[in-house]
Amino acid sequence: MFEWKDAGRISVLLLVSSLILIPLAATVLGGFKTSGELRVSPFGIPDQWHMEFYGEIFADANFWRYLWNSLVISLLTVFLTVLMGAMAAYAFAQVRFFGSEFLFSYMLLGLMFPFAAAIMPLFLTVRDLGLLDTPWGVVLPQVAFGLAFSIMFFRTFFSQMPAELFEAARVDGCGYIKFFFLFTLPLSTPILATIATFVFVQSWNNYLLPLIMLNDRAGYTWTLGAMDYRGEYTAEWNRTLAFVSATLAPAVVFFLAAQKYIVAGLTGGAVKG
């Protein structure tokens, strides 16, 4: 039976979806248009499909180098953030020690500070450590700023795991560390995929941190490499849109592949079981 509240819910979902899909579609289609057609009809279907802009990008070795640099940085960030965040959250959720709540609240303070507010002391620290123009100069700050978010979600999920499971494993001589790797992580696939997806997408699209930490063009990520496709004298937005469309594809594919785990992770971490 049709209900008006269902119609309202569907209308809101369609509106929110259109705010995402329309600009995304315009970006992809813009790579098939000439500069003149893009100015006249930025959201329309191309009158004539120009494949040379995408072909030029895919044939450029710099494009693949930018993608590789972004992939290495993103995967390292995901691995370290997930591993360290899960270990810290497991300690907060399963181990009772003096000052645990205070320490947990202190770590969550990282959610209150914008990334740009710490860019100057962060740059000085990375410079003093000799990590400028290296992937680690981008990876380690991203891990540091992503830990608060990951620990919060991991702790909520781990707290809902049945205590009887650990008690049974402890009877068999299983300690905290062994239980974490053999039982907790395998049972936490939804929340692991959720955190990994958010961290990967955020790292993949990060522009400010690579801009500050990377000066050598050989180490540029795709967000910095986009400047190579703007044109020498005027901004060629069709080439830029083609480049952005090609580089956003890995993040979109990664998100779609982990979509069912993301939903399960978010609902599992939000509903008390």
Protein backbone atom coordinates (compact mmCIF):
# COMPACT_ATOMS: atom_id res chain seq x y z
CA MET A 1 0.00 0.00 0.00
CA PHE A 2 1.36 3.39 -1.01
CA GLU A 3 2.09 5.80 1.85
CA TRP A 4 2.99 9.45 1.66
CA LYS A 5 5.89 9.01 4.07
CA ASP A 6 7.44 6.52 1.62
CA ALA A 7 7.05 9.05 -1.18
CA GLY A 8 8.71 11.72 0.95
CA ARG A 9 11.58 9.39 1.81
CA ILE A 10 12.11 8.46 -1.82
CA SER A 11 11.99 12.12 -2.86
CA VAL A 12 14.66 13.06 -0.33
CA LEU A 13 16.87 10.17 -1.41
CA LEU A 14 16.50 11.13 -5.08
CA LEU A 15 17.34 14.74 -4.27
CA VAL A 16 20.47 13.80 -2.31
CA SER A 17 21.50 11.33 -5.02
CA SER A 18 21.08 13.95 -7.73
CA LEU A 19 23.38 16.34 -5.84
CA ILE A 20 26.11 13.72 -6.18
CA LEU A 21 25.34 12.06 -9.50
CA ILE A 22 24.71 15.17 -11.60
CA PRO A 23 28.13 16.80 -10.93
CA LEU A 24 29.81 13.39 -11.30
CA ALA A 25 28.10 12.78 -14.65
CA ALA A 26 28.96 16.31 -15.80
CA THR A 27 32.61 15.67 -14.93
CA VAL A 28 32.75 12.42 -16.90
CA LEU A 29 30.89 13.84 -19.92
CA GLY A 30 32.98 17.01 -19.84
CA GLY A 31 36.03 14.97 -20.81
CA PHE A 32 34.35 14.13 -24.13
CA LYS A 33 33.56 17.75 -25.08
CA THR A 34 35.53 20.53 -26.67
CA SER A 35 36.23 23.65 -24.63
CA GLY A 36 33.59 25.62 -26.59
CA GLU A 37 30.90 23.01 -26.12
CA LEU A 38 31.76 22.71 -22.44
CA ARG A 39 31.13 26.44 -21.95
CA VAL A 40 27.85 26.34 -23.87
CA SER A 41 26.45 23.08 -22.48
CA PRO A 42 28.33 21.99 -19.34
CA PHE A 43 25.67 19.45 -18.22
CA GLY A 44 24.40 18.20 -21.58
CA ILE A 45 25.25 15.16 -23.66
CA PRO A 46 28.14 15.82 -26.09
CA ASP A 47 27.04 16.50 -29.67
CA GLN A 48 30.16 14.69 -30.82
CA TRP A 49 32.14 12.37 -28.59
CA HIS A 50 35.82 13.33 -28.55
CA MET A 51 37.83 10.35 -27.32
CA GLU A 52 41.21 11.98 -27.80
CA PHE A 53 41.24 13.71 -24.41
CA TYR A 54 40.90 10.47 -22.46
CA GLY A 55 43.24 8.72 -24.90
CA GLU A 56 45.90 11.38 -24.38
CA ILE A 57 45.71 10.96 -20.62
CA PHE A 58 45.84 7.15 -20.64
CA ALA A 59 48.84 7.25 -23.00
CA ASP A 60 50.76 9.61 -20.71
CA ALA A 61 53.30 7.89 -18.45
CA ASN A 62 52.98 10.68 -15.90
CA PHE A 63 49.31 9.80 -15.38
CA TRP A 64 50.17 6.25 -14.33
CA ARG A 65 52.99 7.48 -12.10
CA TYR A 66 50.61 9.85 -10.30
CA LEU A 67 48.13 7.01 -9.83
CA TRP A 68 50.86 4.72 -8.49
CA ASN A 69 52.07 7.33 -6.00
CA SER A 70 48.53 7.93 -4.78
CA LEU A 71 47.89 4.19 -4.51
CA VAL A 72 51.04 3.55 -2.48
CA ILE A 73 50.30 6.42 -0.09
CA SER A 74 46.65 5.45 0.30
CA LEU A 75 47.31 1.75 0.91
CA LEU A 76 50.04 2.47 3.46
CA THR A 77 47.72 4.92 5.21
CA VAL A 78 44.89 2.37 5.27
CA PHE A 79 47.09 -0.43 6.59
CA LEU A 80 48.65 1.59 9.41
CA THR A 81 45.43 3.36 10.40
CA VAL A 82 43.39 0.16 10.50
CA LEU A 83 46.05 -1.85 12.34
CA MET A 84 46.97 0.79 14.93
CA GLY A 85 43.39 1.98 15.38
CA ALA A 86 42.10 -1.56 15.87
CA MET A 87 44.83 -2.41 18.39
CA ALA A 88 44.26 0.76 20.40
CA ALA A 89 40.47 0.37 20.32
CA TYR A 90 40.77 -3.27 21.38
CA ALA A 91 42.76 -2.20 24.43
CA PHE A 92 40.16 0.42 25.33
CA ALA A 93 37.26 -2.00 24.82
CA GLN A 94 38.59 -5.20 26.40
CA VAL A 95 41.33 -4.17 28.85
CA ARG A 96 40.49 -2.29 32.03
CA PHE A 97 43.31 -0.06 33.26
CA PHE A 98 43.63 3.17 35.23
CA GLY A 99 42.92 6.29 33.16
CA SER A 100 41.54 4.43 30.15
CA GLU A 101 38.49 6.67 29.81
CA PHE A 102 40.56 9.82 30.17
CA LEU A 103 43.09 8.60 27.61
CA PHE A 104 40.29 7.63 25.21
CA SER A 105 38.67 11.05 25.55
CA TYR A 106 42.04 12.72 25.05
CA MET A 107 42.61 10.83 21.79
CA LEU A 108 39.16 11.83 20.55
CA LEU A 109 40.17 15.47 20.82
CA GLY A 110 41.75 14.97 17.43
CA LEU A 111 38.28 15.06 15.91
CA MET A 112 37.81 18.65 17.08
CA PHE A 113 40.78 20.18 15.26
CA PRO A 114 40.74 20.80 11.50
CA PHE A 115 43.61 19.38 9.53
CA ALA A 116 44.65 22.76 8.13
CA ALA A 117 45.10 24.24 11.62
CA ALA A 118 48.15 22.05 12.25
CA ILE A 119 49.75 22.30 8.83
CA MET A 120 52.61 24.61 9.87
CA PRO A 121 53.88 22.68 12.94
CA LEU A 122 53.26 19.48 10.98
CA PHE A 123 55.47 20.71 8.14
CA LEU A 124 58.25 21.67 10.57
CA THR A 125 58.09 18.27 12.26
CA VAL A 126 58.20 16.38 8.97
CA ARG A 127 61.08 18.55 7.79
CA ASP A 128 63.07 17.94 10.97
CA LEU A 129 62.52 14.20 10.58
CA GLY A 130 63.86 14.35 7.03
CA LEU A 131 60.64 13.00 5.50
CA LEU A 132 59.94 15.77 3.00
CA ASP A 133 59.51 14.56 -0.60
CA THR A 134 58.89 11.01 0.61
CA PRO A 135 55.62 9.04 0.83
CA TRP A 136 56.05 8.77 4.60
CA GLY A 137 55.84 12.55 4.92
CA VAL A 138 52.23 12.23 3.74
CA VAL A 139 51.36 8.81 5.17
CA LEU A 140 52.30 9.37 8.82
CA PRO A 141 50.34 12.64 9.27
CA GLN A 142 47.32 11.07 7.61
CA VAL A 143 47.54 8.11 9.97
CA ALA A 144 47.86 10.42 12.98
CA PHE A 145 44.78 12.41 12.02
CA GLY A 146 42.80 9.29 11.11
CA LEU A 147 43.38 7.39 14.35
CA ALA A 148 40.78 9.26 16.41
CA PHE A 149 38.04 8.47 13.92
CA SER A 150 39.04 4.82 13.57
CA ILE A 151 39.48 4.23 17.32
CA MET A 152 36.02 5.62 18.02
CA PHE A 153 34.33 3.25 15.57
CA PHE A 154 36.47 0.24 16.44
CA ARG A 155 35.91 0.64 20.18
CA THR A 156 32.13 0.76 19.76
CA PHE A 157 32.20 -2.37 17.62
CA PHE A 158 34.59 -4.31 19.88
CA SER A 159 32.59 -3.42 22.99
CA GLN A 160 29.59 -5.26 21.57
CA MET A 161 31.43 -8.54 21.09
CA PRO A 162 30.25 -11.17 23.60
CA ALA A 163 32.50 -11.46 26.64
CA GLU A 164 31.82 -15.21 26.76
CA LEU A 165 33.87 -15.62 23.57
CA PHE A 166 37.00 -14.25 25.21
CA GLU A 167 36.39 -16.18 28.42
CA ALA A 168 36.14 -19.43 26.47
CA ALA A 169 39.34 -18.63 24.58
CA ARG A 170 41.11 -17.68 27.82
CA VAL A 171 40.26 -21.07 29.32
CA ASP A 172 42.09 -22.63 26.38
CA GLY A 173 45.15 -20.50 27.12
CA CYS A 174 44.53 -17.72 24.60
CA GLY A 175 45.86 -14.32 25.68
CA TYR A 176 44.80 -10.85 24.64
CA ILE A 177 47.18 -10.54 21.70
CA LYS A 178 46.45 -14.00 20.29
CA PHE A 179 42.71 -13.47 20.75
CA PHE A 180 42.93 -10.14 18.92
CA PHE A 181 44.55 -11.60 15.80
CA LEU A 182 42.77 -14.97 15.72
CA PHE A 183 39.24 -13.98 16.74
CA THR A 184 38.65 -10.22 16.96
CA LEU A 185 39.98 -9.20 13.55
CA PRO A 186 38.34 -12.06 11.58
CA LEU A 187 35.00 -11.26 13.22
CA SER A 188 35.36 -7.53 12.49
CA THR A 189 35.31 -7.63 8.68
CA PRO A 190 32.42 -5.11 8.34
CA ILE A 191 33.99 -2.42 10.52
CA LEU A 192 37.44 -3.08 9.03
CA ALA A 193 36.07 -2.54 5.52
CA THR A 194 34.18 0.55 6.66
CA ILE A 195 37.21 2.25 8.20
CA ALA A 196 39.47 1.16 5.34
CA THR A 197 37.11 2.64 2.74
CA PHE A 198 36.76 5.99 4.48
CA VAL A 199 40.51 6.25 5.07
CA PHE A 200 41.33 5.22 1.49
CA VAL A 201 38.95 7.73 -0.09
CA GLN A 202 40.13 10.53 2.19
CA SER A 203 43.79 9.78 1.48
CA TRP A 204 43.19 9.35 -2.26
CA ASN A 205 41.52 12.77 -2.52
CA ASN A 206 43.88 14.61 -0.17
CA TYR A 207 45.32 17.72 -1.78
CA LEU A 208 46.63 20.01 0.95
CA LEU A 209 49.06 17.62 2.64
CA PRO A 210 50.80 16.41 -0.57
CA LEU A 211 50.97 20.03 -1.73
CA ILE A 212 52.92 20.97 1.41
CA MET A 213 55.08 17.86 1.77
CA LEU A 214 55.94 16.98 -1.85
CA ASN A 215 58.12 19.23 -3.98
CA ASP A 216 59.63 16.64 -6.32
CA ARG A 217 57.34 16.10 -9.32
CA ALA A 218 58.29 12.42 -9.44
CA GLY A 219 56.49 11.91 -6.13
CA TYR A 220 53.32 13.85 -6.97
CA THR A 221 49.95 12.31 -6.27
CA TRP A 222 47.10 12.62 -8.77
CA THR A 223 45.66 15.67 -7.00
CA LEU A 224 48.89 17.56 -7.69
CA GLY A 225 49.33 16.00 -11.12
CA ALA A 226 46.04 17.52 -12.25
CA MET A 227 47.88 20.81 -12.68
CA ASP A 228 49.78 19.31 -15.64
CA TYR A 229 46.56 18.99 -17.63
CA ARG A 230 45.16 22.49 -17.22
CA GLY A 231 46.98 23.92 -20.23
CA GLU A 232 49.96 26.21 -20.62
CA TYR A 233 48.22 29.54 -21.25
CA THR A 234 44.50 28.95 -20.71
CA ALA A 235 42.63 26.46 -18.57
CA GLU A 236 41.57 23.51 -20.71
CA TRP A 237 38.79 22.25 -18.51
CA ASN A 238 37.88 19.35 -20.78
CA ARG A 239 41.33 17.80 -20.28
CA THR A 240 41.17 18.51 -16.57
CA LEU A 241 37.73 16.90 -16.25
CA ALA A 242 38.92 13.86 -18.20
CA PHE A 243 41.90 13.53 -15.86
CA VAL A 244 39.75 13.89 -12.75
CA SER A 245 37.25 11.32 -14.05
CA ALA A 246 40.02 8.80 -14.73
CA THR A 247 41.63 9.27 -11.33
CA LEU A 248 38.38 9.13 -9.36
CA ALA A 249 37.52 5.72 -10.81
CA PRO A 250 39.70 3.69 -8.37
CA ALA A 251 38.11 5.36 -5.33
CA VAL A 252 34.60 4.80 -6.70
CA VAL A 253 35.33 1.15 -7.49
CA PHE A 254 36.84 0.63 -4.04
CA PHE A 255 33.79 2.18 -2.42
CA LEU A 256 31.30 0.12 -4.45
CA ALA A 257 33.19 -3.11 -3.77
CA ALA A 258 33.03 -2.53 -0.01
CA GLN A 259 29.53 -1.06 0.05
CA LYS A 260 27.78 -3.97 1.76
CA TYR A 261 30.50 -4.15 4.41
CA ILE A 262 30.22 -0.41 5.01
CA VAL A 263 26.47 -0.65 5.69
CA ALA A 264 27.01 -3.63 8.01
CA GLY A 265 29.85 -1.87 9.81
CA LEU A 266 27.96 1.37 10.37
CA THR A 267 24.81 -0.37 11.60
CA GLY A 268 26.83 -2.79 13.72
CA GLY A 269 28.69 0.05 15.36
CA ALA A 270 25.61 2.15 15.96
CA VAL A 271 23.10 -0.38 17.30
CA LYS A 272 23.62 -1.88 20.69
CA GLY A 273 23.30 -5.65 20.47
